Amino acid sequence: MKSVFFAIPLAILMSNPAVASTDSIKIQTVKNMYNTAIKKNQRGEDLDTLETLFKYADKGLQNAIGLTNISKMTDDGDFSECHSAYESLALSPSNGWGLDEAKSVSYKVLSNGRVRASIKFPDGSLYKDLALQCTSGSCKVTDSFGIDNSSGKRQAEKLCR
């Protein structure tokens, strides 16, 4: 009788393909975020992609995004130091191309748990790494990393306060 009692829950778990792994949820979250940003870019909305990132971010990253939005320009109209933090948070690595000009975007989970979005542009490819925290089947982006592995969140907190 005991073996039947333990076999039933195991059979239910094995027959439920809807249970997704954390990696696949992370990839789907980042994919949805990029698809949203690309569509908004194509319509001429959210060209810097921070509005889209904000919607997928946790509170800490939302605060960092808010900091960069407040202080991008100096009183003389020049870019402030904070602008580099702003650029590091944007979903499209700075190369002169916008996400609406991307030929394709591919996604993979790295060994450190971050998701890499590899963006192919007409003149080459760049990538953006994103850290995510997942609970109860959904994920929030907690940080955005540049090609030099610098934390956009830390840069915003350091350069924009």
Protein backbone atom coordinates (compact mmCIF):
# COMPACT_ATOMS: atom_id res chain seq x y z
CA MET A 1 0.00 0.00 0.00
CA LYS A 2 2.86 2.41 0.82
CA SER A 3 4.38 2.00 -2.65
CA VAL A 4 1.06 2.96 -4.29
CA PHE A 5 0.79 6.01 -2.02
CA PHE A 6 4.21 7.32 -3.16
CA ALA A 7 3.78 6.28 -6.80
CA ILE A 8 0.62 8.34 -7.38
CA PRO A 9 2.17 11.80 -6.69
CA LEU A 10 5.23 10.83 -8.72
CA ALA A 11 3.06 9.77 -11.66
CA ILE A 12 1.14 13.06 -11.48
CA LEU A 13 4.37 15.11 -11.51
CA MET A 14 5.80 13.13 -14.42
CA SER A 15 2.62 13.48 -16.49
CA ASN A 16 2.44 17.28 -16.07
CA PRO A 17 4.52 18.88 -18.84
CA ALA A 18 3.27 22.34 -17.81
CA VAL A 19 5.80 22.42 -14.97
CA ALA A 20 8.60 24.51 -16.48
CA SER A 21 12.18 24.73 -15.30
CA THR A 22 13.53 27.98 -13.87
CA ASP A 23 15.85 28.33 -16.89
CA SER A 24 12.97 28.16 -19.35
CA ILE A 25 10.96 30.69 -17.30
CA LYS A 26 13.98 33.04 -17.26
CA ILE A 27 14.40 32.75 -21.03
CA GLN A 28 10.69 33.28 -21.65
CA THR A 29 10.67 36.38 -19.41
CA VAL A 30 13.63 37.93 -21.25
CA LYS A 31 12.20 36.94 -24.63
CA ASN A 32 8.85 38.56 -23.78
CA MET A 33 10.64 41.70 -22.59
CA TYR A 34 12.69 42.00 -25.79
CA ASN A 35 9.67 41.30 -28.01
CA THR A 36 7.77 44.07 -26.20
CA ALA A 37 10.71 46.49 -26.57
CA ILE A 38 11.17 45.66 -30.26
CA LYS A 39 7.47 46.22 -31.01
CA LYS A 40 7.51 49.54 -29.13
CA ASN A 41 10.67 50.59 -31.02
CA GLN A 42 9.02 49.77 -34.35
CA ARG A 43 6.10 52.03 -33.39
CA GLY A 44 8.49 54.82 -32.37
CA GLU A 45 7.80 54.34 -28.64
CA ASP A 46 10.27 53.60 -25.85
CA LEU A 47 13.33 54.04 -28.04
CA ASP A 48 15.72 53.73 -25.09
CA THR A 49 13.96 50.54 -23.85
CA LEU A 50 14.15 51.55 -20.17
CA GLU A 51 10.37 51.84 -19.94
CA THR A 52 10.07 48.21 -20.99
CA LEU A 53 12.89 47.08 -18.68
CA PHE A 54 11.17 48.93 -15.81
CA LYS A 55 8.01 46.82 -16.24
CA TYR A 56 10.02 43.57 -15.97
CA ALA A 57 12.36 44.77 -13.18
CA ASP A 58 12.29 44.21 -9.44
CA LYS A 59 12.03 47.21 -7.08
CA GLY A 60 15.81 47.63 -6.75
CA LEU A 61 16.35 47.83 -10.49
CA GLN A 62 13.30 50.06 -10.90
CA ASN A 63 14.89 52.48 -8.42
CA ALA A 64 18.16 52.43 -10.41
CA ILE A 65 16.26 53.14 -13.64
CA GLY A 66 14.51 56.03 -11.89
CA LEU A 67 17.87 57.47 -10.85
CA THR A 68 19.16 57.45 -14.43
CA ASN A 69 16.00 59.12 -15.73
CA ILE A 70 16.37 61.99 -13.27
CA SER A 71 19.94 63.01 -14.01
CA LYS A 72 21.00 62.28 -17.60
CA MET A 73 21.87 65.88 -18.49
CA THR A 74 23.94 68.56 -16.78
CA ASP A 75 22.76 72.16 -16.48
CA ASP A 76 24.84 73.03 -19.60
CA GLY A 77 22.94 70.44 -21.66
CA ASP A 78 25.86 67.98 -21.72
CA PHE A 79 25.52 64.35 -20.71
CA SER A 80 26.31 63.73 -17.04
CA GLU A 81 28.36 60.84 -15.65
CA CYS A 82 25.01 59.25 -14.99
CA HIS A 83 24.48 58.84 -18.72
CA SER A 84 26.93 55.93 -18.79
CA ALA A 85 24.76 54.14 -16.21
CA TYR A 86 21.70 54.92 -18.30
CA GLU A 87 23.41 53.41 -21.35
CA SER A 88 24.46 50.29 -19.43
CA LEU A 89 20.86 49.60 -18.44
CA ALA A 90 19.39 49.95 -21.95
CA LEU A 91 18.38 46.64 -23.51
CA SER A 92 20.20 47.45 -26.74
CA PRO A 93 23.98 47.68 -26.35
CA SER A 94 25.18 51.03 -27.62
CA ASN A 95 26.40 50.54 -31.17
CA GLY A 96 24.33 53.05 -33.12
CA TRP A 97 21.56 50.55 -33.94
CA GLY A 98 18.16 50.40 -32.28
CA LEU A 99 16.33 47.22 -31.35
CA ASP A 100 13.90 47.85 -34.20
CA GLU A 101 16.86 47.32 -36.56
CA ALA A 102 17.88 43.98 -35.02
CA LYS A 103 17.86 41.08 -37.47
CA SER A 104 17.34 38.56 -34.67
CA VAL A 105 17.68 38.01 -30.95
CA SER A 106 18.63 34.67 -29.39
CA TYR A 107 18.63 33.73 -25.71
CA LYS A 108 20.53 31.35 -23.48
CA VAL A 109 21.09 30.81 -19.78
CA LEU A 110 24.74 31.17 -18.78
CA SER A 111 26.54 29.05 -16.19
CA ASN A 112 26.23 31.92 -13.67
CA GLY A 113 22.42 31.87 -14.04
CA ARG A 114 22.17 35.08 -16.06
CA VAL A 115 20.31 35.16 -19.35
CA ARG A 116 22.22 36.41 -22.38
CA ALA A 117 20.29 38.11 -25.15
CA SER A 118 22.47 37.99 -28.29
CA ILE A 119 21.32 40.66 -30.71
CA LYS A 120 22.30 40.42 -34.37
CA PHE A 121 22.50 43.79 -36.13
CA PRO A 122 23.31 44.49 -39.80
CA ASP A 123 26.98 45.08 -38.95
CA GLY A 124 27.54 42.39 -36.32
CA SER A 125 26.28 41.02 -33.03
CA LEU A 126 26.29 42.31 -29.47
CA TYR A 127 24.87 40.91 -26.29
CA LYS A 128 23.26 41.96 -23.03
CA ASP A 129 23.37 39.83 -19.89
CA LEU A 130 20.51 40.02 -17.41
CA ALA A 131 20.21 38.70 -13.87
CA LEU A 132 16.78 37.46 -12.83
CA GLN A 133 15.17 36.34 -9.60
CA CYS A 134 12.35 33.82 -9.93
CA THR A 135 9.64 32.85 -7.46
CA SER A 136 6.36 31.04 -7.91
CA GLY A 137 6.78 30.54 -11.64
CA SER A 138 7.57 34.16 -12.57
CA CYS A 139 10.78 36.15 -12.83
CA LYS A 140 11.87 39.75 -12.37
CA VAL A 141 15.04 41.27 -13.81
CA THR A 142 17.37 42.31 -10.99
CA ASP A 143 20.28 43.75 -13.00
CA SER A 144 21.57 44.45 -16.50
CA PHE A 145 25.22 43.89 -17.37
CA GLY A 146 27.33 45.49 -20.06
CA ILE A 147 29.80 43.68 -22.29
CA ASP A 148 32.49 44.59 -19.75
CA ASN A 149 30.40 42.75 -17.09
CA SER A 150 29.65 46.01 -15.27
CA SER A 151 26.42 46.14 -13.29
CA GLY A 152 24.03 48.77 -14.61
CA LYS A 153 22.31 48.86 -11.23
CA ARG A 154 25.58 49.56 -9.36
CA GLN A 155 26.62 52.17 -11.90
CA ALA A 156 23.30 53.99 -11.49
CA GLU A 157 23.58 53.94 -7.72
CA LYS A 158 27.20 55.19 -7.89
CA LEU A 159 26.98 57.78 -10.70
CA CYS A 160 23.44 59.10 -10.44
CA ARG A 161 23.02 59.96 -6.76
